[in-house]
Protein backbone atom coordinates (compact mmCIF):
# COMPACT_ATOMS: atom_id res chain seq x y z
CA MET A 1 133.05 125.90 115.70
CA LYS A 2 131.45 129.07 114.10
CA VAL A 3 127.95 129.21 114.18
CA SER A 4 125.76 132.42 112.37
CA LEU A 5 122.20 132.97 114.17
CA THR A 6 119.81 135.61 113.45
CA SER A 7 119.39 138.67 115.16
CA GLU A 8 115.89 137.41 116.45
CA LEU A 9 117.68 134.26 118.12
CA GLU A 10 120.55 136.19 119.89
CA ARG A 11 118.02 138.36 121.28
CA ARG A 12 116.30 135.15 122.47
CA ILE A 13 119.30 133.81 123.61
CA ALA A 14 120.62 136.98 125.69
CA GLU A 15 117.04 137.02 126.93
CA LYS A 16 117.19 133.55 128.59
CA VAL A 17 120.89 134.33 130.50
CA GLU A 18 119.52 137.73 132.08
CA SER A 19 116.68 135.55 133.16
CA GLY A 20 119.03 133.92 135.26
CA LEU A 21 118.22 130.56 134.19
CA TYR A 22 121.77 130.35 132.46
CA ALA A 23 125.01 131.59 132.92
CA SER A 24 125.99 131.85 129.55
CA ALA A 25 124.32 131.51 125.93
CA SER A 26 126.41 128.78 125.46
CA GLU A 27 124.63 126.84 128.26
CA VAL A 28 121.43 128.00 126.38
CA VAL A 29 122.76 126.58 123.20
CA ARG A 30 123.41 123.50 124.63
CA GLU A 31 120.02 123.10 126.14
CA GLY A 32 118.28 123.67 123.19
CA LEU A 33 120.98 120.91 121.35
CA ARG A 34 119.85 118.31 124.33
CA LEU A 35 116.34 119.33 123.73
CA LEU A 36 116.44 118.38 120.04
CA PHE A 37 117.96 115.35 120.18
CA GLU A 38 115.64 114.32 122.77
CA THR A 39 112.91 114.72 120.55
CA ASP A 40 114.52 113.56 117.86
CA ALA A 41 114.81 109.84 119.99
CA LEU A 42 111.62 110.15 120.78
CA LEU A 43 110.31 110.57 117.17
CA ALA A 44 112.44 107.53 116.25
CA ARG A 45 110.59 105.31 119.04
CA GLN A 46 107.61 106.42 117.88
CA LEU A 47 108.25 105.58 114.48
CA ALA A 48 109.49 102.44 115.36
CA GLN A 49 106.92 101.40 117.65
CA LEU A 50 104.35 102.75 114.32
CA ARG A 51 106.15 100.53 112.23
CA ALA A 52 106.16 97.39 114.47
CA ASP A 53 102.19 97.81 115.16
CA ILE A 54 101.50 98.16 111.13
CA GLN A 55 103.53 94.93 110.89
CA ALA A 56 101.55 93.09 113.53
CA GLY A 57 98.03 94.19 111.62
CA LEU A 58 99.68 92.79 108.53
CA ASP A 59 100.77 89.58 110.07
CA GLN A 60 97.06 89.86 111.87
CA ALA A 61 95.68 89.83 108.37
CA ASP A 62 97.60 87.33 106.64
CA ARG A 63 96.76 84.89 109.37
CA GLY A 64 93.28 85.79 108.60
CA GLU A 65 92.35 87.35 111.90
CA LEU A 66 90.47 90.38 110.52
CA VAL A 67 86.91 91.56 111.62
CA ASP A 68 84.52 93.44 109.34
CA GLY A 69 83.88 97.01 109.17
CA PRO A 70 80.71 96.63 111.37
CA VAL A 71 81.66 94.07 113.70
CA SER A 72 84.29 96.26 114.33
CA ARG A 73 82.44 99.51 114.95
CA GLU A 74 80.36 97.38 117.43
CA ARG A 75 83.15 96.12 119.24
CA VAL A 76 84.50 100.01 119.98
CA LYS A 77 81.19 101.68 120.89
CA ALA A 78 80.55 98.55 123.38
CA ALA A 79 83.67 99.32 125.10
CA LEU A 80 83.73 102.78 124.95
CA ALA A 81 79.92 102.50 126.50
CA ALA A 82 81.27 100.21 129.51
CA GLN A 83 84.34 102.92 130.04
CA VAL A 84 82.02 105.79 130.41
CA SER A 85 79.51 103.64 133.05
CA THR A 86 82.57 102.55 135.02
CA ARG A 87 82.79 106.37 135.10
CA ALA A 88 79.72 107.19 136.31
């Protein structure tokens, strides 16, 4: 595989190797790719959770399990006040 890098990226990879944290440029690139794939997986899990949360809310709405705005705000205020009083 052949990869072209900008001079800036080459410089930064060389700095990592010179720092002693990595033995070679290949190690730096492998670590960067590992982090990229790890981030991709994390974002995929977060998106799946968001979709599940949205679906749960839609299902609750379909069942008529809704709370109007003013009631919801009062519940949030009460919960926040309870947290503040337990910390004091």
